[in-house]
N, C-alpha and C. Protein backbone atom coordinates (compact mmCIF):
# COMPACT_ATOMS: atom_id res chain seq x y z
N MET A 1 -65.75 101.06 -47.26
CA MET A 1 -64.98 99.62 -48.02
C MET A 1 -63.42 99.99 -47.59
N ASP A 2 -62.43 99.55 -47.98
CA ASP A 2 -60.70 99.67 -48.37
C ASP A 2 -60.74 99.54 -49.73
N CYS A 3 -60.19 100.09 -50.24
CA CYS A 3 -59.18 99.75 -51.66
C CYS A 3 -58.16 98.66 -51.38
N ILE A 4 -58.13 97.74 -52.44
CA ILE A 4 -57.02 96.72 -52.44
C ILE A 4 -56.04 97.46 -52.97
N GLU A 5 -55.99 98.46 -53.75
CA GLU A 5 -54.74 98.95 -54.24
C GLU A 5 -53.76 99.68 -53.61
N CYS A 6 -54.23 100.83 -53.01
CA CYS A 6 -53.70 101.57 -52.37
C CYS A 6 -54.15 102.15 -50.71
N GLY A 7 -55.59 101.65 -50.09
CA GLY A 7 -55.73 101.49 -48.68
C GLY A 7 -56.64 102.37 -48.28
N SER A 8 -57.25 103.00 -49.38
CA SER A 8 -57.97 104.55 -49.21
C SER A 8 -59.45 104.20 -48.62
N ARG A 9 -59.78 104.52 -47.42
CA ARG A 9 -61.35 104.53 -47.36
C ARG A 9 -62.40 104.97 -48.16
N ASN A 10 -63.31 104.22 -48.87
CA ASN A 10 -64.28 104.73 -49.51
C ASN A 10 -65.77 104.24 -48.98
N SER A 11 -66.47 104.94 -49.39
CA SER A 11 -68.05 104.54 -49.66
C SER A 11 -68.38 103.18 -49.88
N ASP A 12 -69.26 102.41 -48.93
CA ASP A 12 -69.70 101.12 -49.05
C ASP A 12 -70.30 100.81 -50.64
N PHE A 13 -70.38 102.15 -51.27
CA PHE A 13 -71.48 101.75 -52.13
C PHE A 13 -70.97 102.19 -53.53
N GLY A 14 -69.43 102.71 -53.42
CA GLY A 14 -68.68 103.44 -54.20
C GLY A 14 -68.16 101.85 -55.68
N LYS A 15 -67.86 102.04 -56.61
CA LYS A 15 -67.35 101.14 -57.86
C LYS A 15 -65.69 101.68 -58.00
N TYR A 16 -65.78 102.55 -57.63
CA TYR A 16 -63.97 103.04 -58.30
C TYR A 16 -63.40 104.12 -56.90
N CYS A 17 -61.85 103.57 -56.40
CA CYS A 17 -61.87 104.16 -55.56
C CYS A 17 -61.53 105.29 -55.78
N HIS A 18 -61.98 106.60 -54.89
CA HIS A 18 -61.55 107.97 -55.28
C HIS A 18 -60.30 108.77 -55.10
N ASN A 19 -59.33 107.44 -54.08
CA ASN A 19 -58.12 108.08 -54.14
C ASN A 19 -56.63 107.72 -55.60
N CYS A 20 -57.43 105.86 -55.77
CA CYS A 20 -56.18 105.89 -57.03
C CYS A 20 -57.51 105.72 -58.61
N GLY A 21 -58.17 105.22 -58.57
CA GLY A 21 -59.42 104.40 -59.36
C GLY A 21 -59.80 103.03 -59.40
N ALA A 22 -59.01 102.69 -59.02
CA ALA A 22 -58.92 100.52 -58.64
C ALA A 22 -60.45 100.16 -59.10
N ARG A 23 -60.92 99.59 -59.15
CA ARG A 23 -61.83 98.85 -59.03
C ARG A 23 -62.30 98.19 -57.69
N LEU A 24 -63.23 98.41 -56.91
CA LEU A 24 -63.38 98.48 -55.54
C LEU A 24 -64.19 97.21 -55.54
N ILE A 25 -63.38 96.11 -54.34
CA ILE A 25 -64.28 94.57 -54.63
C ILE A 25 -65.14 94.82 -53.09
N GLN A 26 -66.18 94.68 -53.03
CA GLN A 26 -66.47 94.58 -51.81
C GLN A 26 -66.83 93.36 -50.65
N ARG A 27 -66.43 93.16 -49.78
CA ARG A 27 -66.16 92.02 -48.79
C ARG A 27 -67.39 91.32 -48.95
N VAL A 28 -67.59 90.13 -49.18
CA VAL A 28 -68.80 89.60 -48.71
C VAL A 28 -69.28 89.36 -47.65
N LEU A 29 -70.88 89.94 -47.21
CA LEU A 29 -71.09 90.21 -46.03
C LEU A 29 -72.08 88.51 -45.64
N SER A 30 -71.74 88.20 -44.32
CA SER A 30 -72.24 86.67 -44.02
C SER A 30 -74.06 86.37 -43.68
N SER A 31 -74.51 87.97 -43.49
CA SER A 31 -75.93 87.56 -43.03
C SER A 31 -76.76 87.10 -44.22
N PRO A 32 -77.72 86.78 -44.61
CA PRO A 32 -78.59 86.46 -45.53
C PRO A 32 -79.34 87.98 -45.78
N SER A 33 -79.35 88.51 -44.94
CA SER A 33 -80.41 89.38 -44.85
C SER A 33 -79.36 91.07 -45.32
N SER A 34 -78.40 90.29 -45.62
CA SER A 34 -77.13 91.78 -46.32
C SER A 34 -77.62 92.31 -47.09
N SER A 35 -77.15 93.70 -47.17
CA SER A 35 -77.39 94.19 -49.06
C SER A 35 -76.33 93.79 -49.70
N PRO A 36 -76.59 94.07 -51.17
CA PRO A 36 -76.21 92.74 -52.70
C PRO A 36 -74.76 93.05 -52.08
N THR A 37 -73.86 92.70 -52.52
CA THR A 37 -72.51 93.05 -52.97
C THR A 37 -72.30 93.62 -54.06
N HIS A 38 -70.93 94.25 -54.54
CA HIS A 38 -70.37 94.47 -55.87
C HIS A 38 -69.61 93.64 -56.27
N LEU A 39 -70.25 92.07 -56.21
CA LEU A 39 -68.86 91.18 -56.63
C LEU A 39 -69.90 91.01 -58.24
N SER A 40 -68.88 90.41 -59.35
CA SER A 40 -69.46 90.33 -60.45
C SER A 40 -70.65 89.22 -60.56
N GLU A 41 -71.22 89.05 -61.56
CA GLU A 41 -72.08 88.39 -62.18
C GLU A 41 -71.52 87.09 -62.81
N ASP A 42 -70.29 87.58 -63.57
CA ASP A 42 -69.47 86.45 -63.99
C ASP A 42 -68.52 85.39 -63.12
N PRO A 43 -68.81 84.22 -63.18
CA PRO A 43 -68.28 83.55 -62.49
C PRO A 43 -66.67 83.47 -62.21
N SER A 44 -65.69 83.58 -63.60
CA SER A 44 -64.97 83.60 -63.51
C SER A 44 -64.34 84.94 -63.05
N ILE A 45 -65.15 86.26 -63.16
CA ILE A 45 -64.46 87.27 -62.11
C ILE A 45 -65.33 87.60 -60.77
N ARG A 46 -65.97 86.85 -60.63
CA ARG A 46 -66.46 86.38 -59.14
C ARG A 46 -65.49 85.62 -58.65
N ARG A 47 -65.01 84.52 -58.85
CA ARG A 47 -63.97 83.75 -58.44
C ARG A 47 -62.99 84.52 -58.17
N GLU A 48 -62.49 85.48 -59.04
CA GLU A 48 -60.97 86.06 -58.90
C GLU A 48 -61.10 87.08 -57.69
N GLN A 49 -61.94 87.92 -57.74
CA GLN A 49 -62.80 88.68 -56.36
C GLN A 49 -62.68 87.64 -55.63
N GLU A 50 -63.65 87.21 -55.19
CA GLU A 50 -63.79 85.98 -53.86
C GLU A 50 -62.38 85.51 -53.71
N ALA A 51 -61.15 85.18 -54.14
CA ALA A 51 -60.13 84.98 -54.06
C ALA A 51 -59.15 85.71 -53.57
N LEU A 52 -59.58 87.19 -54.03
CA LEU A 52 -58.94 88.63 -53.87
C LEU A 52 -58.88 88.75 -52.22
N ILE A 53 -60.31 88.55 -52.13
CA ILE A 53 -60.73 88.99 -50.42
C ILE A 53 -60.03 88.33 -49.97
N GLU A 54 -60.14 86.85 -49.87
CA GLU A 54 -59.69 85.74 -49.21
C GLU A 54 -57.84 86.22 -48.84
N ILE A 55 -57.30 86.40 -49.82
CA ILE A 55 -55.90 87.11 -49.68
C ILE A 55 -55.53 87.96 -49.21
N LEU A 56 -56.37 89.19 -49.26
CA LEU A 56 -56.17 90.07 -48.09
C LEU A 56 -56.53 89.92 -46.81
N GLN A 57 -57.58 89.12 -46.67
CA GLN A 57 -57.84 88.73 -45.24
C GLN A 57 -57.03 87.32 -44.77
N THR A 58 -56.02 86.94 -45.44
CA THR A 58 -54.84 86.01 -44.81
C THR A 58 -53.70 87.01 -44.07
N ASN A 59 -52.64 86.53 -43.21
CA ASN A 59 -51.93 86.46 -42.71
C ASN A 59 -51.22 87.34 -43.58
N PRO A 60 -50.35 88.67 -43.90
CA PRO A 60 -49.11 88.47 -44.30
C PRO A 60 -47.89 88.17 -44.28
N LYS A 61 -48.02 88.24 -42.32
CA LYS A 61 -46.53 87.54 -41.57
C LYS A 61 -46.03 88.99 -41.67
N LYS A 62 -46.43 90.11 -41.04
CA LYS A 62 -45.10 91.41 -41.25
C LYS A 62 -44.18 91.58 -40.14
N ASN A 63 -44.26 90.06 -39.45
CA ASN A 63 -42.98 90.61 -38.04
C ASN A 63 -42.19 88.95 -37.75
N GLU A 64 -42.11 88.34 -39.29
CA GLU A 64 -41.28 87.32 -39.45
C GLU A 64 -40.67 87.17 -41.11
N CYS A 65 -39.65 86.65 -41.08
CA CYS A 65 -38.85 86.10 -42.68
C CYS A 65 -39.97 85.13 -43.13
N HIS A 66 -40.39 85.33 -44.29
CA HIS A 66 -41.12 84.74 -45.29
C HIS A 66 -40.29 83.58 -45.94
N LYS A 67 -38.95 83.49 -45.72
CA LYS A 67 -38.08 82.84 -46.43
C LYS A 67 -37.90 81.80 -45.33
N CYS A 68 -37.58 81.53 -43.54
CA CYS A 68 -37.43 81.07 -42.73
C CYS A 68 -37.91 81.31 -41.41
N GLY A 69 -38.64 82.66 -41.81
CA GLY A 69 -39.87 82.87 -40.42
C GLY A 69 -39.17 83.06 -39.18
N SER A 70 -37.64 83.18 -39.17
CA SER A 70 -37.00 84.26 -38.28
C SER A 70 -37.92 85.33 -38.01
N ASN A 71 -37.81 85.85 -36.58
CA ASN A 71 -38.43 87.15 -36.35
C ASN A 71 -37.13 88.30 -36.08
N ALA A 72 -36.05 88.38 -36.15
CA ALA A 72 -34.50 88.92 -35.71
C ALA A 72 -34.55 89.65 -36.93
N ASP A 73 -34.02 91.11 -36.70
CA ASP A 73 -32.95 91.84 -38.27
C ASP A 73 -33.66 91.35 -39.17
N LEU A 74 -35.16 92.33 -39.64
CA LEU A 74 -35.96 91.74 -40.89
C LEU A 74 -35.69 92.72 -41.94
N THR A 75 -35.58 93.28 -42.88
CA THR A 75 -35.58 94.03 -44.24
C THR A 75 -36.79 93.84 -44.71
N ARG A 76 -37.77 94.99 -45.15
CA ARG A 76 -39.01 94.58 -45.85
C ARG A 76 -38.75 95.17 -47.05
N TYR A 77 -39.35 94.56 -47.81
CA TYR A 77 -39.19 95.08 -49.91
C TYR A 77 -40.51 95.18 -50.36
N GLN A 78 -40.99 96.48 -51.27
CA GLN A 78 -42.84 96.59 -51.26
C GLN A 78 -42.56 95.52 -53.09
N PHE A 79 -43.57 95.22 -53.04
CA PHE A 79 -43.27 94.11 -54.35
C PHE A 79 -44.91 94.55 -55.26
N GLY A 80 -45.34 94.01 -56.16
CA GLY A 80 -47.11 93.78 -56.67
C GLY A 80 -46.78 92.15 -57.43
N MET A 81 -47.72 91.64 -56.67
CA MET A 81 -48.29 90.56 -57.59
C MET A 81 -49.18 90.61 -58.55
N ALA A 82 -48.80 90.57 -60.08
CA ALA A 82 -49.56 91.01 -61.10
C ALA A 82 -50.17 89.93 -61.77
N LYS A 83 -51.36 90.61 -62.38
CA LYS A 83 -52.06 89.30 -63.31
C LYS A 83 -52.24 90.62 -64.35
N VAL A 84 -51.74 90.15 -65.71
CA VAL A 84 -51.24 90.49 -67.42
C VAL A 84 -52.81 90.69 -67.94
N LEU A 85 -53.74 91.33 -68.00
CA LEU A 85 -54.62 91.55 -68.04
C LEU A 85 -55.07 92.09 -70.46
N SER A 86 -53.85 92.83 -70.69
CA SER A 86 -53.76 92.51 -72.02
C SER A 86 -52.05 93.31 -72.25
N THR A 87 -51.62 93.21 -73.31
CA THR A 87 -50.58 93.56 -74.40
C THR A 87 -50.60 93.87 -75.45
N LYS A 88 -50.05 95.26 -75.98
CA LYS A 88 -50.69 96.22 -77.13
C LYS A 88 -49.19 96.80 -77.20
N ARG A 89 -48.84 96.66 -78.74
CA ARG A 89 -47.87 97.26 -79.57
C ARG A 89 -48.31 98.05 -79.88
N GLU A 90 -46.76 99.32 -79.96
CA GLU A 90 -47.46 100.54 -80.72
C GLU A 90 -46.25 100.19 -81.94
N TRP A 91 -46.54 100.62 -82.94
CA TRP A 91 -45.94 99.97 -84.33
C TRP A 91 -45.83 101.49 -84.78
N SER A 92 -46.25 102.85 -85.06
CA SER A 92 -46.27 103.81 -85.57
C SER A 92 -44.69 104.19 -85.41
N GLY A 93 -43.91 104.21 -84.40
CA GLY A 93 -42.54 104.47 -84.59
C GLY A 93 -41.96 103.82 -85.42
N THR A 94 -42.11 102.23 -85.71
CA THR A 94 -41.21 101.30 -86.22
C THR A 94 -41.52 101.76 -87.76
N ILE A 95 -42.98 101.85 -87.97
CA ILE A 95 -43.51 101.79 -89.37
C ILE A 95 -42.46 103.39 -90.09
N GLY A 96 -42.74 104.44 -89.35
CA GLY A 96 -41.61 105.34 -89.29
C GLY A 96 -40.80 105.40 -89.84
N THR A 97 -39.61 104.28 -89.06
CA THR A 97 -38.50 104.20 -89.19
C THR A 97 -38.35 103.10 -90.40
N ALA A 98 -39.02 102.63 -90.72
CA ALA A 98 -39.30 101.59 -91.93
C ALA A 98 -39.55 103.22 -92.96
N VAL A 99 -40.54 103.84 -93.22
CA VAL A 99 -40.48 104.12 -94.17
C VAL A 99 -39.46 105.45 -94.51
N ALA A 100 -38.77 105.82 -93.85
CA ALA A 100 -37.30 106.64 -93.43
C ALA A 100 -36.29 105.70 -94.61
N SER A 101 -36.09 104.72 -93.67
CA SER A 101 -35.55 104.03 -94.53
C SER A 101 -35.60 103.71 -95.70
N ALA A 102 -36.43 103.18 -96.19
CA ALA A 102 -37.09 102.90 -97.50
C ALA A 102 -36.93 104.02 -98.47
N ILE A 103 -37.00 104.84 -97.59
CA ILE A 103 -36.91 106.67 -98.84
C ILE A 103 -35.83 106.65 -98.92
N SER A 104 -35.00 106.69 -97.81
CA SER A 104 -33.07 106.35 -97.67
C SER A 104 -32.58 105.31 -99.02
N ILE A 105 -33.33 104.25 -99.09
CA ILE A 105 -32.62 103.33 -99.99
C ILE A 105 -33.67 103.70 -101.70
N ALA A 106 -34.26 104.04 -101.57
CA ALA A 106 -34.70 104.80 -103.06
C ALA A 106 -33.86 106.08 -103.41
N LEU A 107 -33.26 106.57 -102.61
CA LEU A 107 -32.18 107.94 -103.02
C LEU A 107 -31.10 107.84 -102.87
N ALA A 108 -30.30 106.54 -102.24
CA ALA A 108 -29.19 106.27 -102.30
C ALA A 108 -28.06 106.42 -103.94
N PRO A 109 -28.91 106.02 -104.91
CA PRO A 109 -28.32 106.79 -105.74
C PRO A 109 -27.65 107.90 -106.42
N VAL A 110 -28.97 108.85 -105.73
CA VAL A 110 -28.82 110.38 -105.68
C VAL A 110 -27.90 110.86 -104.89
N ILE A 111 -28.15 110.69 -103.26
CA ILE A 111 -26.90 111.21 -102.52
C ILE A 111 -26.34 110.29 -101.96
N GLY A 112 -25.83 109.17 -102.81
CA GLY A 112 -24.67 108.34 -103.01
C GLY A 112 -24.38 107.66 -101.51
N GLY A 113 -25.59 107.47 -100.71
CA GLY A 113 -25.74 106.40 -99.65
C GLY A 113 -27.07 105.94 -99.24
N ALA A 114 -27.09 104.89 -98.29
CA ALA A 114 -28.77 105.25 -97.58
C ALA A 114 -28.32 105.00 -95.88
N VAL A 115 -29.39 104.98 -95.03
CA VAL A 115 -29.71 105.10 -93.82
C VAL A 115 -30.67 104.38 -93.66
N VAL A 116 -29.92 102.67 -92.83
CA VAL A 116 -31.27 101.49 -92.73
C VAL A 116 -31.47 102.14 -91.34
N GLY A 117 -32.45 101.67 -91.39
CA GLY A 117 -32.24 101.91 -89.03
C GLY A 117 -33.64 100.56 -88.63
N TRP A 118 -34.21 100.44 -88.13
CA TRP A 118 -35.87 99.68 -87.14
C TRP A 118 -35.69 100.31 -86.36
N HIS A 119 -36.49 100.56 -85.79
CA HIS A 119 -37.04 100.86 -84.21
C HIS A 119 -37.83 99.80 -83.65
N ARG A 120 -37.67 99.00 -82.73
CA ARG A 120 -38.63 97.88 -82.01
C ARG A 120 -39.71 98.34 -81.75
N PRO A 121 -40.67 98.15 -81.83
CA PRO A 121 -42.21 98.55 -81.52
C PRO A 121 -42.26 98.72 -80.04
N GLY A 122 -42.89 99.74 -79.35
CA GLY A 122 -43.08 99.86 -78.02
C GLY A 122 -44.29 99.15 -77.39
N LYS A 123 -44.06 98.76 -76.34
CA LYS A 123 -44.81 97.68 -75.37
C LYS A 123 -46.25 98.32 -74.59
N THR A 124 -47.15 98.09 -74.47
CA THR A 124 -47.57 98.38 -73.30
C THR A 124 -48.08 97.53 -72.41
N VAL A 125 -48.50 97.56 -71.42
CA VAL A 125 -48.97 95.91 -70.63
C VAL A 125 -49.59 96.28 -69.52
N SER A 126 -51.15 95.90 -69.60
CA SER A 126 -51.76 96.54 -68.81
C SER A 126 -52.01 95.52 -67.48
N TYR A 127 -52.16 95.41 -66.11
CA TYR A 127 -52.02 94.73 -65.48
C TYR A 127 -53.07 94.53 -64.32
N ASN A 128 -53.25 93.97 -63.51
CA ASN A 128 -54.23 94.07 -62.10
C ASN A 128 -53.07 93.45 -61.25
N VAL A 129 -53.06 94.65 -60.53
CA VAL A 129 -52.01 94.12 -59.32
C VAL A 129 -52.65 94.62 -57.82
N VAL A 130 -51.74 92.69 -56.94
CA VAL A 130 -52.17 93.53 -55.70
C VAL A 130 -50.71 93.88 -54.88
N LYS A 131 -50.89 94.74 -54.25
CA LYS A 131 -49.55 95.24 -53.34
C LYS A 131 -49.06 94.36 -52.01
N ALA A 132 -47.98 94.19 -52.19
CA ALA A 132 -47.46 93.26 -51.02
C ALA A 132 -46.38 94.00 -50.93
N GLU A 133 -45.37 93.40 -48.98
CA GLU A 133 -44.44 93.78 -48.64
C GLU A 133 -43.68 92.43 -48.53
N LEU A 134 -42.10 92.25 -48.88
CA LEU A 134 -41.41 90.73 -48.78
C LEU A 134 -40.88 91.03 -47.31
N VAL A 135 -40.74 90.63 -46.42
CA VAL A 135 -40.02 90.40 -45.56
C VAL A 135 -38.74 89.53 -45.18
N LEU A 136 -37.64 89.75 -45.17
CA LEU A 136 -36.69 88.90 -45.44
C LEU A 136 -35.58 89.18 -43.90
N CYS A 137 -35.08 88.18 -43.49
CA CYS A 137 -33.70 88.61 -42.21
C CYS A 137 -32.89 88.83 -42.65
N ARG A 138 -31.73 88.83 -42.02
CA ARG A 138 -30.37 89.23 -42.17
C ARG A 138 -29.90 87.68 -43.11
N ASN A 139 -29.68 86.80 -42.42
CA ASN A 139 -29.13 85.56 -43.10
C ASN A 139 -29.27 85.50 -44.30
N CYS A 140 -31.21 85.83 -44.69
CA CYS A 140 -31.73 85.05 -45.84
C CYS A 140 -31.91 86.06 -46.96
N LEU A 141 -31.18 87.01 -46.35
CA LEU A 141 -31.54 88.49 -47.13
C LEU A 141 -29.51 88.25 -47.83
N LYS A 142 -28.71 87.38 -47.14
CA LYS A 142 -27.03 87.38 -47.69
C LYS A 142 -27.01 86.62 -49.38
N ARG A 143 -28.42 86.21 -48.78
CA ARG A 143 -28.45 84.83 -50.11
C ARG A 143 -28.82 85.75 -51.38
N VAL A 144 -29.41 86.72 -51.12
CA VAL A 144 -29.65 87.48 -52.47
C VAL A 144 -29.08 88.99 -52.59
N THR A 145 -28.12 88.76 -52.22
CA THR A 145 -27.61 89.97 -52.49
C THR A 145 -26.15 89.29 -53.29
N ASN A 146 -25.37 90.17 -54.12
CA ASN A 146 -24.29 90.36 -55.04
C ASN A 146 -23.33 90.58 -54.24
N MET A 147 -21.93 89.95 -54.85
CA MET A 147 -21.05 90.98 -54.16
C MET A 147 -20.63 91.94 -54.10
N TRP A 148 -21.22 93.42 -54.96
CA TRP A 148 -21.37 94.41 -54.69
C TRP A 148 -22.09 94.89 -53.62
N GLY A 149 -23.04 94.13 -53.07
CA GLY A 149 -23.84 94.34 -52.20
C GLY A 149 -24.91 95.05 -52.66
N GLN A 150 -25.60 94.30 -53.70
CA GLN A 150 -27.04 95.03 -54.36
C GLN A 150 -27.64 93.98 -54.05
N THR A 151 -28.94 94.28 -53.33
CA THR A 151 -29.88 92.61 -53.07
C THR A 151 -30.73 92.69 -54.67
N ILE A 152 -30.56 91.55 -55.07
CA ILE A 152 -30.99 91.26 -56.22
C ILE A 152 -32.45 90.18 -55.82
N LEU A 153 -33.28 90.30 -55.95
CA LEU A 153 -34.66 89.69 -55.59
C LEU A 153 -34.92 88.70 -56.80
N ARG A 154 -35.78 87.77 -57.16
CA ARG A 154 -36.24 86.94 -58.01
C ARG A 154 -37.38 86.45 -57.90
N ASP A 155 -38.06 85.63 -58.86
CA ASP A 155 -39.32 85.39 -58.59
C ASP A 155 -39.48 84.11 -57.39
N SER A 156 -38.44 83.96 -57.02
CA SER A 156 -38.46 82.71 -56.41
C SER A 156 -38.42 83.42 -54.69
N ASP A 157 -37.74 84.23 -54.64
CA ASP A 157 -37.74 85.01 -53.69
C ASP A 157 -39.45 85.54 -53.32
N TYR A 158 -40.11 86.17 -54.25
CA TYR A 158 -41.22 86.77 -54.12
C TYR A 158 -41.99 85.74 -53.67
N ARG A 159 -41.92 83.95 -54.21
CA ARG A 159 -43.11 83.42 -53.96
C ARG A 159 -43.14 82.56 -52.42
N CYS A 160 -41.84 83.37 -51.92
CA CYS A 160 -41.98 82.77 -50.90
C CYS A 160 -43.16 83.95 -49.55
N HIS A 161 -44.01 84.83 -50.17
CA HIS A 161 -44.84 85.58 -49.68
C HIS A 161 -45.90 84.89 -49.43
N PRO A 162 -46.64 85.09 -48.30
CA PRO A 162 -47.64 84.46 -47.86
C PRO A 162 -48.90 84.42 -48.62
N TRP A 163 -49.13 85.14 -49.71
CA TRP A 163 -50.15 85.03 -50.70
C TRP A 163 -49.77 84.78 -51.96
N ALA A 164 -48.62 84.47 -52.48
CA ALA A 164 -48.25 83.86 -53.73
C ALA A 164 -48.82 83.05 -53.90
N GLU A 165 -48.99 82.01 -53.30
CA GLU A 165 -49.97 80.79 -53.71
C GLU A 165 -51.24 80.75 -54.13
N LYS A 166 -51.88 81.45 -53.03
CA LYS A 166 -52.89 81.55 -53.37
C LYS A 166 -53.12 83.02 -54.79
N ALA A 167 -52.57 84.10 -55.04
CA ALA A 167 -52.96 84.53 -56.02
C ALA A 167 -52.07 83.93 -57.21
N SER A 168 -51.59 83.18 -57.47
CA SER A 168 -51.18 82.44 -58.47
C SER A 168 -51.61 81.37 -59.10
N VAL A 169 -53.00 81.32 -57.95
CA VAL A 169 -54.01 80.15 -58.36
C VAL A 169 -55.31 81.11 -59.18
N VAL A 170 -55.25 82.40 -59.14
CA VAL A 170 -56.16 83.26 -60.37
C VAL A 170 -55.41 83.92 -60.78
N GLY A 171 -54.09 83.61 -61.35
CA GLY A 171 -53.71 84.33 -62.28
C GLY A 171 -52.18 85.01 -62.16
N TYR A 172 -52.51 85.55 -61.09
CA TYR A 172 -51.28 86.92 -60.24
C TYR A 172 -49.98 86.23 -60.17
N GLU A 173 -49.12 86.23 -61.58
CA GLU A 173 -48.10 85.00 -61.58
C GLU A 173 -46.83 85.92 -62.12
N VAL A 174 -47.33 87.35 -62.13
CA VAL A 174 -46.26 88.26 -62.68
C VAL A 174 -45.43 89.32 -61.06
N TYR A 175 -44.47 89.03 -61.15
CA TYR A 175 -43.69 89.90 -59.45
C TYR A 175 -42.92 91.11 -60.02
N LEU A 176 -43.81 91.69 -59.51
CA LEU A 176 -43.02 93.43 -59.65
C LEU A 176 -42.02 93.85 -58.80
N SER A 177 -41.12 94.71 -58.71
CA SER A 177 -40.37 95.22 -57.75
C SER A 177 -40.57 96.42 -57.72
N ALA A 178 -40.33 97.04 -56.51
CA ALA A 178 -40.58 98.50 -56.11
C ALA A 178 -40.81 99.80 -57.20
N ASP A 179 -39.44 99.17 -57.69
CA ASP A 179 -39.08 100.30 -59.09
C ASP A 179 -40.00 100.04 -59.76
N GLU A 180 -40.49 99.04 -60.81
CA GLU A 180 -41.60 98.91 -61.45
C GLU A 180 -42.78 99.00 -61.43
N LEU A 181 -43.06 98.81 -60.10
CA LEU A 181 -44.34 99.43 -59.59
C LEU A 181 -44.18 101.41 -59.67
N ALA A 182 -43.36 101.49 -59.01
CA ALA A 182 -43.01 103.61 -59.06
C ALA A 182 -43.24 103.50 -60.92
N LYS A 183 -43.02 103.01 -61.47
CA LYS A 183 -43.70 103.18 -62.93
C LYS A 183 -44.95 103.15 -63.53
N LEU A 184 -45.71 102.13 -63.25
CA LEU A 184 -46.81 102.31 -63.52
C LEU A 184 -47.92 103.25 -63.31
N ARG A 185 -48.94 103.75 -63.94
CA ARG A 185 -49.66 104.50 -63.91
C ARG A 185 -50.81 103.48 -63.92
N PRO A 186 -52.11 104.23 -63.08
CA PRO A 186 -53.43 103.37 -62.80
C PRO A 186 -54.16 103.90 -63.98
N LYS A 187 -54.66 103.18 -64.34
CA LYS A 187 -55.63 103.22 -65.57
C LYS A 187 -56.78 104.46 -65.29
N THR A 188 -57.24 104.84 -66.19
CA THR A 188 -58.61 105.84 -65.61
C THR A 188 -59.78 104.85 -66.07
N HIS A 189 -60.68 104.69 -65.40
CA HIS A 189 -61.74 104.49 -65.41
C HIS A 189 -62.63 105.66 -66.44
N GLN A 190 -63.76 105.56 -67.10
CA GLN A 190 -64.59 106.52 -67.38
C GLN A 190 -66.14 106.17 -66.89
N GLY A 191 -66.93 106.83 -66.77
CA GLY A 191 -68.33 106.80 -65.94
C GLY A 191 -67.92 106.70 -64.44
N ARG A 192 -67.15 107.67 -63.86
CA ARG A 192 -66.74 107.18 -62.67
C ARG A 192 -68.23 108.59 -61.96
């Protein structure tokens, strides 16, 4: 079976991709006598897995503009449709800064001044991501290019992709640019 994250070919009986570590989703086989699949028993997870399989089987229309349908002068942009799994805040830097500020304020009469600072907490967001490619023609590309010639894609542009509507139904509503995708690190799975 192929990994939906990186496209690597994997064993039909594996649970995680040997290349990127993503959980594998086995396609549902139509024969009643077929071997069991790796789809979850949890109804909401199973519904999401089935939706992802359906999305990946939908034609991504790689040879036509996703906005207007033109097939001339096409440009391609990698992006990801993501579902937020969790958001964690890292407060240790903030607490350290607050403690240093409190000590500085307490010592202010002795040292003649205080240094007060605030450090915003860091944030780690975990996503499930479906990677895709947005295709735009030259005319549609002009509408998303600023006066300095930079292409600025917005969520409304990514929503033109043939997979976007089906993906949003199961919670994949955050759009990540190619730069944002490059910054993501795969989550490591224990017990592989």
